[in-house]
Structure formats: structure tokens, C-alpha cells
C-alpha atoms as a PDB file:
ATOM      1  CA  MET A   1      19.632  27.201  15.183  1.00  0.00           C
ATOM      2  CA  ASN A   2      20.278  24.816  12.275  1.00  0.00           C
ATOM      3  CA  ILE A   3      18.515  21.441  12.312  1.00  0.00           C
ATOM      4  CA  LEU A   4      19.945  18.397  10.564  1.00  0.00           C
ATOM      5  CA  THR A   5      18.265  14.959  10.531  1.00  0.00           C
ATOM      6  CA  LEU A   6      20.496  11.909  10.105  1.00  0.00           C
ATOM      7  CA  ASN A   7      19.916   8.168  10.159  1.00  0.00           C
ATOM      8  CA  MET A   8      22.405   7.134  12.818  1.00  0.00           C
ATOM      9  CA  ASP A   9      21.694   3.407  12.831  1.00  0.00           C
ATOM     10  CA  GLN A  10      19.746   2.159   9.827  1.00  0.00           C
ATOM     11  CA  LYS A  11      19.597  -1.419  11.114  1.00  0.00           C
ATOM     12  CA  LYS A  12      17.637  -0.322  14.152  1.00  0.00           C
ATOM     13  CA  GLY A  13      15.851   2.471  12.307  1.00  0.00           C
ATOM     14  CA  ALA A  14      16.879   5.028  14.906  1.00  0.00           C
ATOM     15  CA  THR A  15      16.635   8.557  13.586  1.00  0.00           C
ATOM     16  CA  HIS A  16      18.192  11.311  15.621  1.00  0.00           C
ATOM     17  CA  LYS A  17      18.018  15.051  15.316  1.00  0.00           C
ATOM     18  CA  LEU A  18      21.183  17.015  15.786  1.00  0.00           C
ATOM     19  CA  TRP A  19      21.052  20.720  16.312  1.00  0.00           C
ATOM     20  CA  TYR A  20      23.978  23.076  16.488  1.00  0.00           C
ATOM     21  CA  GLU A  21      23.780  25.964  18.886  1.00  0.00           C
ATOM     22  CA  ASP A  22      25.421  29.254  18.005  1.00  0.00           C
ATOM     23  CA  TRP A  23      28.291  28.490  20.408  1.00  0.00           C
ATOM     24  CA  GLY A  24      29.061  25.248  18.533  1.00  0.00           C
ATOM     25  CA  GLN A  25      27.711  22.754  21.060  1.00  0.00           C
ATOM     26  CA  VAL A  26      26.038  19.650  19.575  1.00  0.00           C
ATOM     27  CA  ASN A  27      22.877  18.283  21.177  1.00  0.00           C
ATOM     28  CA  THR A  28      21.215  14.954  20.303  1.00  0.00           C
ATOM     29  CA  MET A  29      17.599  14.003  20.917  1.00  0.00           C
ATOM     30  CA  ALA A  30      15.848  10.820  19.742  1.00  0.00           C
ATOM     31  CA  GLN A  31      12.679  11.461  17.759  1.00  0.00           C
ATOM     32  CA  SER A  32       9.540  10.652  19.663  1.00  0.00           C
ATOM     33  CA  LYS A  33       7.486   7.670  18.522  1.00  0.00           C
ATOM     34  CA  ARG A  34       4.294   8.170  16.564  1.00  0.00           C
ATOM     35  CA  PRO A  35       1.196   7.315  18.626  1.00  0.00           C
ATOM     36  CA  ARG A  36      -0.284   3.911  17.879  1.00  0.00           C
ATOM     37  CA  ARG A  37      -3.017   4.133  15.265  1.00  0.00           C
ATOM     38  CA  THR A  38      -6.035   1.912  14.757  1.00  0.00           C
ATOM     39  CA  PHE A  39      -7.660   1.096  11.433  1.00  0.00           C
ATOM     40  CA  THR A  40     -11.178  -0.132  10.760  1.00  0.00           C
ATOM     41  CA  PRO A  41     -11.717  -3.508   9.080  1.00  0.00           C
ATOM     42  CA  GLU A  42     -13.316  -1.640   6.173  1.00  0.00           C
ATOM     43  CA  PHE A  43     -10.177   0.445   5.645  1.00  0.00           C
ATOM     44  CA  LYS A  44      -7.977  -2.671   5.788  1.00  0.00           C
ATOM     45  CA  HIS A  45     -10.241  -4.447   3.314  1.00  0.00           C
ATOM     46  CA  GLN A  46     -10.115  -1.481   0.920  1.00  0.00           C
ATOM     47  CA  LEU A  47      -6.300  -1.461   0.939  1.00  0.00           C
ATOM     48  CA  VAL A  48      -6.159  -5.222   0.362  1.00  0.00           C
ATOM     49  CA  GLN A  49      -8.581  -4.832  -2.544  1.00  0.00           C
ATOM     50  CA  LEU A  50      -6.392  -2.094  -4.043  1.00  0.00           C
ATOM     51  CA  TYR A  51      -3.454  -4.506  -3.903  1.00  0.00           C
ATOM     52  CA  LYS A  52      -5.485  -7.341  -5.427  1.00  0.00           C
ATOM     53  CA  SER A  53      -6.634  -5.045  -8.239  1.00  0.00           C
ATOM     54  CA  GLY A  54      -3.004  -4.496  -9.259  1.00  0.00           C
ATOM     55  CA  LYS A  55      -1.813  -1.452  -7.334  1.00  0.00           C
ATOM     56  CA  ARG A  56       1.754  -1.833  -6.061  1.00  0.00           C
ATOM     57  CA  LYS A  57       2.331  -2.254  -2.327  1.00  0.00           C
ATOM     58  CA  CYS A  58       4.846   0.588  -2.202  1.00  0.00           C
ATOM     59  CA  ASP A  59       2.310   2.962  -3.787  1.00  0.00           C
ATOM     60  CA  ILE A  60      -0.421   1.948  -1.332  1.00  0.00           C
ATOM     61  CA  THR A  61       1.827   2.334   1.713  1.00  0.00           C
ATOM     62  CA  LYS A  62       3.010   5.782   0.617  1.00  0.00           C
ATOM     63  CA  GLU A  63      -0.437   7.062  -0.340  1.00  0.00           C
ATOM     64  CA  TYR A  64      -2.191   5.882   2.837  1.00  0.00           C
ATOM     65  CA  ASP A  65       0.767   6.239   5.247  1.00  0.00           C
ATOM     66  CA  VAL A  66       0.675   2.589   6.322  1.00  0.00           C
ATOM     67  CA  GLY A  67       3.724   0.443   7.009  1.00  0.00           C
ATOM     68  CA  TYR A  68       4.770  -2.092   4.379  1.00  0.00           C
ATOM     69  CA  SER A  69       4.773  -4.964   6.873  1.00  0.00           C
ATOM     70  CA  THR A  70       1.346  -3.886   8.142  1.00  0.00           C
ATOM     71  CA  LEU A  71      -0.105  -4.114   4.644  1.00  0.00           C
ATOM     72  CA  ASP A  72       1.560  -7.518   4.176  1.00  0.00           C
ATOM     73  CA  LYS A  73      -0.031  -8.716   7.410  1.00  0.00           C
ATOM     74  CA  TRP A  74      -3.494  -7.560   6.297  1.00  0.00           C
ATOM     75  CA  ILE A  75      -3.125  -9.282   2.931  1.00  0.00           C
ATOM     76  CA  LYS A  76      -2.148 -12.560   4.602  1.00  0.00           C
ATOM     77  CA  GLN A  77      -4.960 -12.293   7.145  1.00  0.00           C
ATOM     78  CA  GLU A  78      -7.561 -11.759   4.464  1.00  0.00           C
ATOM     79  CA  GLU A  79      -6.206 -14.665   2.405  1.00  0.00           C
ATOM     80  CA  ASN A  80      -6.111 -17.021   5.411  1.00  0.00           C
ATOM     81  CA  SER A  81      -9.364 -16.334   7.211  1.00  0.00           C
ATOM     82  CA  GLY A  82     -11.010 -13.309   5.645  1.00  0.00           C
ATOM     83  CA  SER A  83     -10.862 -11.653   9.052  1.00  0.00           C
ATOM     84  CA  PHE A  84      -8.463  -9.081  10.486  1.00  0.00           C
ATOM     85  CA  LYS A  85      -8.959 -10.194  14.079  1.00  0.00           C
ATOM     86  CA  GLU A  86      -5.916 -11.818  15.664  1.00  0.00           C
ATOM     87  CA  LYS A  87      -7.976 -14.586  17.261  1.00  0.00           C
ATOM     88  CA  ASP A  88      -9.257 -15.657  13.819  1.00  0.00           C
ATOM     89  CA  ASN A  89      -5.722 -15.878  12.418  1.00  0.00           C
ATOM     90  CA  LEU A  90      -4.039 -18.146  14.936  1.00  0.00           C
ATOM     91  CA  THR A  91      -2.006 -21.131  13.770  1.00  0.00           C
ATOM     92  CA  PRO A  92      -3.085 -24.640  14.821  1.00  0.00           C
ATOM     93  CA  GLU A  93      -0.140 -24.710  17.235  1.00  0.00           C
ATOM     94  CA  GLN A  94      -1.247 -21.465  18.860  1.00  0.00           C
ATOM     95  CA  LEU A  95      -4.816 -22.754  19.203  1.00  0.00           C
ATOM     96  CA  GLU A  96      -3.559 -25.932  20.863  1.00  0.00           C
ATOM     97  CA  LEU A  97      -1.485 -23.929  23.346  1.00  0.00           C
ATOM     98  CA  ILE A  98      -4.511 -21.834  24.256  1.00  0.00           C
ATOM     99  CA  LYS A  99      -6.516 -24.991  24.991  1.00  0.00           C
ATOM    100  CA  LEU A 100      -3.867 -26.208  27.437  1.00  0.00           C
END
């Protein structure tokens, strides 16, 4: 069995595996999602400090297997409130809606 991985729809990020059986039939199966991971505040802080010390975002995300947008979010959270908790990083509009 030969396995070939192709990006079928780059806009949606869907990656599919195609495998060719000996009789020539083509089967398609969507890759399963990675389980949701959690990171400690200390780990997040360390990655933000690496970025602030001059290390490039792309190098950090590759080395620590963290998404680019996730690292961006952590950098913004630390700049805004110094906390990585969602409740500490709400906008004034979101806080007002919660009060209602």
C-alpha cells in the first residue's frame, strides 16, 4: 500500500490521506484532529520572553510545536494584562456585557 499526503484545500487547511490499494481503488480519509493541549502560565511566559529577547516567532513555534496564532495571543495577553487568563483579558465592551 502506497501512502500519499496532499493538501486538498489549503484555505480550510484540510489535509487528506490518499492510499492506493493494489487493485487501483482510491480511498480518502480525513486526518484526525490533534487532542487539545494545555500549557502552564510559566511555559507561556517563557515563550513570550524568548520572543521579547529577539528570537523569531517562526523559530519559537517550530521548536516548541505551538501555533503561530497561539503565540501571538500569548504575547498580546502578556502586554495587555500580564495574565494569560481569559477573564483578565476581556475588552471593556465584553466586561459591560457580562454585567448586564
